[in-house]
C-alpha atoms as a PDB file:
ATOM      1  CA  UNK A   1       8.909   4.868 -11.889  1.00  0.00           C
ATOM      2  CA  UNK A   2       5.977   5.491  -9.544  1.00  0.00           C
ATOM      3  CA  UNK A   3       4.698   1.958 -10.163  1.00  0.00           C
ATOM      4  CA  UNK A   4       7.912   0.405  -8.865  1.00  0.00           C
ATOM      5  CA  UNK A   5       8.088   2.671  -5.843  1.00  0.00           C
ATOM      6  CA  UNK A   6       4.388   2.159  -5.065  1.00  0.00           C
ATOM      7  CA  UNK A   7       4.829  -1.614  -5.069  1.00  0.00           C
ATOM      8  CA  UNK A   8       7.973  -1.413  -2.936  1.00  0.00           C
ATOM      9  CA  UNK A   9       6.287   0.892  -0.423  1.00  0.00           C
ATOM     10  CA  UNK A  10       3.266  -1.413  -0.293  1.00  0.00           C
ATOM     11  CA  UNK A  11       5.584  -4.314   0.468  1.00  0.00           C
ATOM     12  CA  UNK A  12       7.312  -2.300   3.203  1.00  0.00           C
ATOM     13  CA  UNK A  13       3.990  -1.258   4.762  1.00  0.00           C
ATOM     14  CA  UNK A  14       2.587  -4.793   4.684  1.00  0.00           C
ATOM     15  CA  UNK A  15       5.744  -6.347   6.148  1.00  0.00           C
ATOM     16  CA  UNK A  16       6.122  -3.790   8.927  1.00  0.00           C
ATOM     17  CA  UNK A  17       2.516  -3.115   9.915  1.00  0.00           C
ATOM     18  CA  UNK A  18       0.432  -6.194   9.250  1.00  0.00           C
ATOM     19  CA  UNK A  19       0.135  -9.829  10.155  1.00  0.00           C
ATOM     20  CA  UNK A  20      -2.673 -12.374  10.137  1.00  0.00           C
ATOM     21  CA  UNK A  21      -4.326 -10.762  13.152  1.00  0.00           C
ATOM     22  CA  UNK A  22      -3.723  -7.124  12.155  1.00  0.00           C
ATOM     23  CA  UNK A  23      -4.651  -6.486   8.530  1.00  0.00           C
ATOM     24  CA  UNK A  24      -4.910  -3.106   6.808  1.00  0.00           C
ATOM     25  CA  UNK A  25      -7.747  -2.274   4.460  1.00  0.00           C
ATOM     26  CA  UNK A  26      -7.176  -1.039   0.929  1.00  0.00           C
ATOM     27  CA  UNK A  27      -8.335   2.408   2.025  1.00  0.00           C
ATOM     28  CA  UNK A  28      -5.811   2.423   4.864  1.00  0.00           C
ATOM     29  CA  UNK A  29      -3.042   1.386   2.470  1.00  0.00           C
ATOM     30  CA  UNK A  30      -3.995   4.167   0.053  1.00  0.00           C
ATOM     31  CA  UNK A  31      -3.983   6.711   2.865  1.00  0.00           C
ATOM     32  CA  UNK A  32      -0.549   5.603   4.108  1.00  0.00           C
ATOM     33  CA  UNK A  33       0.883   5.735   0.579  1.00  0.00           C
ATOM     34  CA  UNK A  34      -0.492   9.227   0.103  1.00  0.00           C
ATOM     35  CA  UNK A  35       0.225  10.691   3.543  1.00  0.00           C
ATOM     36  CA  UNK A  36       3.665   9.216   4.156  1.00  0.00           C
ATOM     37  CA  UNK A  37       5.103   8.762   0.675  1.00  0.00           C
ATOM     38  CA  UNK A  38       3.199  11.247  -1.490  1.00  0.00           C
ATOM     39  CA  UNK A  39       1.988   8.500  -3.824  1.00  0.00           C
ATOM     40  CA  UNK A  40      -1.591   8.575  -5.019  1.00  0.00           C
ATOM     41  CA  UNK A  41      -3.213   5.294  -5.940  1.00  0.00           C
ATOM     42  CA  UNK A  42      -6.664   4.028  -6.824  1.00  0.00           C
ATOM     43  CA  UNK A  43      -8.349   1.198  -4.961  1.00  0.00           C
ATOM     44  CA  UNK A  44      -8.236  -1.163  -7.923  1.00  0.00           C
ATOM     45  CA  UNK A  45      -4.542  -0.424  -8.547  1.00  0.00           C
ATOM     46  CA  UNK A  46      -3.590  -1.283  -4.972  1.00  0.00           C
ATOM     47  CA  UNK A  47      -5.718  -4.414  -5.084  1.00  0.00           C
ATOM     48  CA  UNK A  48      -3.951  -5.548  -8.277  1.00  0.00           C
ATOM     49  CA  UNK A  49      -0.526  -4.690  -6.829  1.00  0.00           C
ATOM     50  CA  UNK A  50      -1.004  -6.922  -3.798  1.00  0.00           C
ATOM     51  CA  UNK A  51      -3.016  -9.627  -5.549  1.00  0.00           C
END
């Protein structure tokens, strides 16, 4: 279940907070997931999710 919610939250974050001129780093994405949604994720997991 956490995999689905992590991917959906990543999509939400990317759609609402980024564009071509304002990217977020993987570390920033991990911090947002953890701080705002209580989801822990590893750098490689997030990279695979958005790749």
